[in-house]
N, C-alpha and C. Protein backbone atom coordinates (compact mmCIF):
# COMPACT_ATOMS: atom_id res chain seq x y z
N MET A 1 154.01 -199.21 221.65
CA MET A 1 154.24 -198.04 222.45
C MET A 1 155.70 -197.62 222.27
N PRO A 2 155.97 -196.41 221.76
CA PRO A 2 157.33 -195.94 221.62
C PRO A 2 157.96 -195.67 222.98
N THR A 3 159.25 -195.93 223.06
CA THR A 3 160.02 -195.62 224.25
C THR A 3 161.18 -194.72 223.84
N VAL A 4 161.32 -193.60 224.53
CA VAL A 4 162.40 -192.66 224.27
C VAL A 4 163.32 -192.70 225.47
N ILE A 5 164.62 -192.87 225.21
CA ILE A 5 165.61 -192.91 226.28
C ILE A 5 166.50 -191.68 226.15
N ILE A 6 166.57 -190.91 227.23
CA ILE A 6 167.37 -189.69 227.28
C ILE A 6 168.60 -189.95 228.12
N GLU A 7 169.77 -189.69 227.57
CA GLU A 7 171.03 -189.76 228.30
C GLU A 7 171.49 -188.33 228.51
N GLY A 8 171.63 -187.89 229.75
CA GLY A 8 172.04 -186.51 229.97
C GLY A 8 172.51 -186.26 231.38
N PRO A 9 172.75 -184.99 231.67
CA PRO A 9 173.24 -184.63 233.00
C PRO A 9 172.12 -184.68 234.04
N LYS A 10 172.52 -184.62 235.29
CA LYS A 10 171.52 -184.56 236.37
C LYS A 10 170.66 -183.32 236.18
N ALA A 11 169.39 -183.46 236.51
CA ALA A 11 168.45 -182.34 236.37
C ALA A 11 167.49 -182.38 237.54
N ASP A 12 166.93 -181.20 237.84
CA ASP A 12 165.95 -181.17 238.92
C ASP A 12 164.61 -181.73 238.42
N THR A 13 163.72 -182.00 239.34
CA THR A 13 162.45 -182.64 239.02
C THR A 13 161.62 -181.83 238.05
N GLU A 14 161.57 -180.52 238.20
CA GLU A 14 160.78 -179.68 237.29
C GLU A 14 161.31 -179.76 235.87
N THR A 15 162.62 -179.77 235.72
CA THR A 15 163.22 -179.90 234.39
C THR A 15 162.84 -181.23 233.76
N LYS A 16 162.89 -182.29 234.54
CA LYS A 16 162.53 -183.62 234.03
C LYS A 16 161.05 -183.69 233.66
N ARG A 17 160.20 -183.06 234.46
CA ARG A 17 158.76 -183.03 234.13
C ARG A 17 158.53 -182.38 232.77
N GLU A 18 159.18 -181.23 232.57
CA GLU A 18 159.00 -180.52 231.31
C GLU A 18 159.56 -181.33 230.14
N LEU A 19 160.71 -181.93 230.32
CA LEU A 19 161.32 -182.75 229.28
C LEU A 19 160.41 -183.89 228.89
N VAL A 20 159.89 -184.61 229.87
CA VAL A 20 158.99 -185.74 229.61
C VAL A 20 157.72 -185.28 228.92
N ARG A 21 157.15 -184.18 229.38
CA ARG A 21 155.92 -183.66 228.79
C ARG A 21 156.12 -183.27 227.33
N ARG A 22 157.18 -182.53 227.06
CA ARG A 22 157.39 -182.04 225.70
C ARG A 22 157.78 -183.15 224.73
N ILE A 23 158.61 -184.07 225.18
CA ILE A 23 158.99 -185.19 224.31
C ILE A 23 157.77 -186.05 224.01
N THR A 24 156.95 -186.29 225.03
CA THR A 24 155.73 -187.08 224.85
C THR A 24 154.81 -186.42 223.82
N GLU A 25 154.65 -185.11 223.90
CA GLU A 25 153.80 -184.39 222.94
C GLU A 25 154.27 -184.62 221.51
N VAL A 26 155.56 -184.49 221.28
CA VAL A 26 156.10 -184.65 219.93
C VAL A 26 155.94 -186.08 219.43
N VAL A 27 156.25 -187.05 220.27
CA VAL A 27 156.14 -188.45 219.85
C VAL A 27 154.68 -188.80 219.56
N ARG A 28 153.77 -188.34 220.39
CA ARG A 28 152.34 -188.59 220.12
C ARG A 28 151.92 -188.00 218.78
N GLU A 29 152.36 -186.77 218.51
CA GLU A 29 151.98 -186.10 217.28
C GLU A 29 152.54 -186.83 216.05
N VAL A 30 153.79 -187.22 216.12
CA VAL A 30 154.44 -187.84 214.96
C VAL A 30 153.97 -189.27 214.75
N TYR A 31 153.90 -190.06 215.82
CA TYR A 31 153.52 -191.47 215.71
C TYR A 31 152.02 -191.70 215.72
N LYS A 32 151.25 -190.69 216.09
CA LYS A 32 149.79 -190.83 216.19
C LYS A 32 149.41 -191.94 217.16
N VAL A 33 150.06 -191.93 218.34
CA VAL A 33 149.79 -192.92 219.39
C VAL A 33 149.46 -192.18 220.67
N HIS A 34 148.91 -192.91 221.62
CA HIS A 34 148.57 -192.31 222.91
C HIS A 34 149.64 -192.60 223.97
N HIS A 35 150.08 -193.84 224.04
CA HIS A 35 151.02 -194.24 225.10
C HIS A 35 152.46 -194.05 224.65
N VAL A 36 153.23 -193.33 225.45
CA VAL A 36 154.64 -193.08 225.19
C VAL A 36 155.40 -193.22 226.50
N SER A 37 156.51 -193.93 226.46
CA SER A 37 157.37 -194.04 227.65
C SER A 37 158.63 -193.21 227.42
N VAL A 38 159.05 -192.49 228.47
CA VAL A 38 160.29 -191.73 228.42
C VAL A 38 161.11 -192.17 229.63
N VAL A 39 162.35 -192.58 229.38
CA VAL A 39 163.27 -193.01 230.43
C VAL A 39 164.43 -192.04 230.45
N ILE A 40 164.73 -191.50 231.62
CA ILE A 40 165.83 -190.56 231.77
C ILE A 40 166.97 -191.24 232.52
N HIS A 41 168.13 -191.31 231.87
CA HIS A 41 169.34 -191.81 232.52
C HIS A 41 170.22 -190.61 232.82
N GLU A 42 170.45 -190.36 234.09
CA GLU A 42 171.30 -189.23 234.48
C GLU A 42 172.74 -189.71 234.63
N ASN A 43 173.63 -188.98 234.00
CA ASN A 43 175.04 -189.37 233.99
C ASN A 43 175.90 -188.32 234.70
N GLU A 44 176.75 -188.78 235.58
CA GLU A 44 177.71 -187.90 236.24
C GLU A 44 178.78 -187.51 235.22
N PRO A 45 179.28 -186.28 235.27
CA PRO A 45 180.29 -185.83 234.31
C PRO A 45 181.55 -186.70 234.27
N GLU A 46 181.90 -187.34 235.39
CA GLU A 46 183.09 -188.20 235.37
C GLU A 46 182.82 -189.54 234.69
N ASN A 47 181.58 -189.78 234.29
CA ASN A 47 181.24 -191.01 233.57
C ASN A 47 180.98 -190.77 232.09
N VAL A 48 181.30 -189.57 231.60
CA VAL A 48 181.04 -189.22 230.21
C VAL A 48 182.35 -188.74 229.59
N GLY A 49 182.68 -189.28 228.42
CA GLY A 49 183.86 -188.84 227.70
C GLY A 49 183.48 -188.01 226.49
N VAL A 50 184.21 -186.93 226.25
CA VAL A 50 183.99 -186.06 225.10
C VAL A 50 185.34 -185.80 224.43
N ASP A 51 185.45 -186.19 223.20
CA ASP A 51 186.70 -185.98 222.45
C ASP A 51 187.93 -186.48 223.20
N GLY A 52 187.82 -187.64 223.80
CA GLY A 52 188.96 -188.26 224.46
C GLY A 52 189.24 -187.78 225.88
N GLU A 53 188.37 -186.96 226.43
CA GLU A 53 188.56 -186.45 227.79
C GLU A 53 187.29 -186.68 228.61
N LEU A 54 187.47 -186.79 229.92
CA LEU A 54 186.31 -186.86 230.79
C LEU A 54 185.60 -185.51 230.79
N LEU A 55 184.29 -185.54 230.74
CA LEU A 55 183.52 -184.31 230.77
C LEU A 55 183.79 -183.51 232.03
N SER A 56 184.02 -184.18 233.15
CA SER A 56 184.33 -183.48 234.40
C SER A 56 185.60 -182.64 234.27
N ASP A 57 186.60 -183.13 233.53
CA ASP A 57 187.83 -182.38 233.32
C ASP A 57 187.59 -181.17 232.42
N VAL A 58 186.81 -181.36 231.38
CA VAL A 58 186.47 -180.26 230.45
C VAL A 58 185.74 -179.15 231.21
N LEU A 59 184.75 -179.53 232.02
CA LEU A 59 183.98 -178.55 232.78
C LEU A 59 184.84 -177.82 233.80
N ALA A 60 185.76 -178.55 234.44
CA ALA A 60 186.64 -177.93 235.44
C ALA A 60 187.54 -176.90 234.78
N ARG A 61 188.03 -177.19 233.58
CA ARG A 61 188.88 -176.24 232.86
C ARG A 61 188.09 -174.97 232.49
N ARG A 62 186.83 -175.13 232.13
CA ARG A 62 186.01 -173.97 231.76
C ARG A 62 185.76 -173.03 232.93
N LYS A 63 185.76 -173.57 234.14
CA LYS A 63 185.49 -172.76 235.33
C LYS A 63 186.67 -171.87 235.71
N LYS A 64 187.86 -172.19 235.17
CA LYS A 64 189.07 -171.43 235.54
C LYS A 64 189.13 -170.12 234.78
C-alpha cells in the first residue's frame, strides 16, 4: 500500500478532503492499487525556512 506524505501549510477540512481525494486518484491510477494512505503534516510558517529565512518573516514582509 503506497503512503503519500504531504508537508504544507494549514488548510481547512474541505481543502484537505480534495487533496486526499485527488492524490489518491493519481496514485491508484499509476500504481494500479486500491489502498492508498495520505498523511498531511501541517506546518506553521515559523517552523519552515526558505532560503535562509523563516517563512513567517517572508510572509510578513509581503504584507507590507
